[in-house]
Amino acid sequence: MTVPHHNAARRSQLTLPEFIALFALITSLTALSIDTMLPALPVIGEALGLVDMRDTQLIVSMVILGMVAGELFAGPLSDALGRRPVILAGIAVYCLGAVLAMVAQSIEMLLFARFIQGIGVSGPKIASRALIRDRFEGDGMARIMSLIIMIFILVPAIAPALGQVILLVADWRAIFLVFLILGAVVAVWFGLRQEETLPQSARRPFRPMTILKDAGGLLGHRIVMAYTLSAGLIFGSLLLFLSTAPHVFRDLYGIEENFPIYFAALALGIGFAGMVNSKLVLRVGARRLSLIALVNQIICGSVLLWLGQAHGGVPPLSAFMILMFLLFAGLGCLFGNLNALAMRPLGHMAGLGASFIASFSSIMAFLTATLIGRFYDGTVWPLAAGFLGTSILALIAMRVGRHS
C-alpha cells in the first residue's frame, strides 16, 4: 500500500505510470549493461586475444563485482544525503565507465572499466529502491516492484538484439557509446522530474562506525537474512545463465545470429510473471507467491537435469526453451517479492537496508555464478544443477527464516 509520509519532502509530481516507467528504466541500467554485451562476448574475446573463451564471463561478472563495492556505500550515502544526489552521481560514474570501455585496448582495461560501470550503477540501483520504499511498503511495494519489473523486462528482451544490430553496423566499442547516451537520458529525465523523497529530518549522518553497527544488527536479523540469502541465490542462477547463455546456444544448438530472438522469448517469461504477480500479490501475499515460485524452480530444474542426462547433456531445443521459459517466469515472481520481503522491516533505515540486501545478495550471486560457471563443459548439466541447487537452498533459507 502507499504510505502517507507526513514528514516527507515535497511530493513527486510524477504520475504513477511515469514513476513506474522512469524507475523501470533506472532499474534496467544493470540489465542493459549485461544483456547487450552477450552477443559481443565471443567477438570481444577474439579481438582482445583471449586464450580461454570462458574468461569472457568476467566481462559480465565484473559489473556485478563493481556493484558489490558500490552498494556497500550507496545506501548509507542516500540515507545521509538524500536519494537524488546518489542516483545522479552514480549515473555519472556509470557514464565514465562507458567512456573507459570505449577506449580499452586490453582485457584488463576493459574489465576495470566494467568494474567502474558496476560501481556507478549501484547508486541508482540502491537509492531508487530506497526511494520506492519511501513511498510504499510491504505488499504495496511488492506490487510496484512487480510493475517495474514487468516493464523493465522489455529491456533485457531487446538488449541482445540491440547488441547484435550494433555489431552488424559498428565495432563492439559502439555498444558502450549507447550506454553513455542512455545514462545521459536517464540522468536528465530523473533530474527534471523526480523530487527528493527523504526529508532532512529523516536523514541519518554518514558515520562509518554507526553504519557497521547497524549492518551487524542486520546480520543478526533472522527475517532480513532469510530473504536476502534467498534473493542472492536466485540472482546467482540468473547471472549463471547470462554468463553461459551465448556458449550454450552457440555450442550446443548452433544458434548464434538468432540468439537475441531466443533470449527475448525467455525474457518475456519474467515480464509475464511480473504482470501476474502484480495482480495477485495484494491478495495472496508476497511470501506465499515466492514459495510457489521456488517450487516451480525446483521442478523445472529437476526436469532439465533429467533431460540433460537422458540426452547426453544436450536436451531437445524445444524442451530446453519451455523449461527455461518457466524458470524465467519463476524469476519474475521472485525478484520483486524477495526484495520487498527483505525490506519490509527496514522502513527506518531503507537506504542502509537496500544497500546491505543488494550487496550481500550480489556477493552471493557473483560467487555462485562464477563457481558454477567454471564447470561449463559443453552440456546443460551445470546450468540445470545451478538452477536446482540455488532454488533448494533458497527454499531452505525461507523456511528457516519463517516467523509467526
Foldseek 3Di string as FASTA:
>chain_A
DWDDDPQWDDDFPDDLVVLLVLLLLLQLLLLLQQLLCLLVLVVVCVQQVPPDSLCSLLLSLLLLVLLLVQLQVLLLVCLAPFLLVLLLQLLVQLLVLLVQCLPDNHPVSNSVSSSSNSNSSNNSNQSVQLLLLLTDAFLRQLLSVLSSQLVSLVSSLCSNVVSLVCVVPHPSSVSSVVSNVSSVVSSVVCVVGTDTTHDPVLGDHPDPVVLVVVLVVCVVQLQLVLLLLLLLLLLLLVSLCSSCVQVQCCLQPVDRSCSSNLSSLLSNLLSVLSVVLSVCCVPPNLVVLLLVLLVLLQVLLVVQLVQCVVPVQRHDPVSVSVSSSSNSNSVSSSNSSSLSSSCNVPSSSSSSSSSSSSSSSSVSSSVLSVVLSVVDDSGCNSSSCSSNVSSVVSSVSCVSSDDD
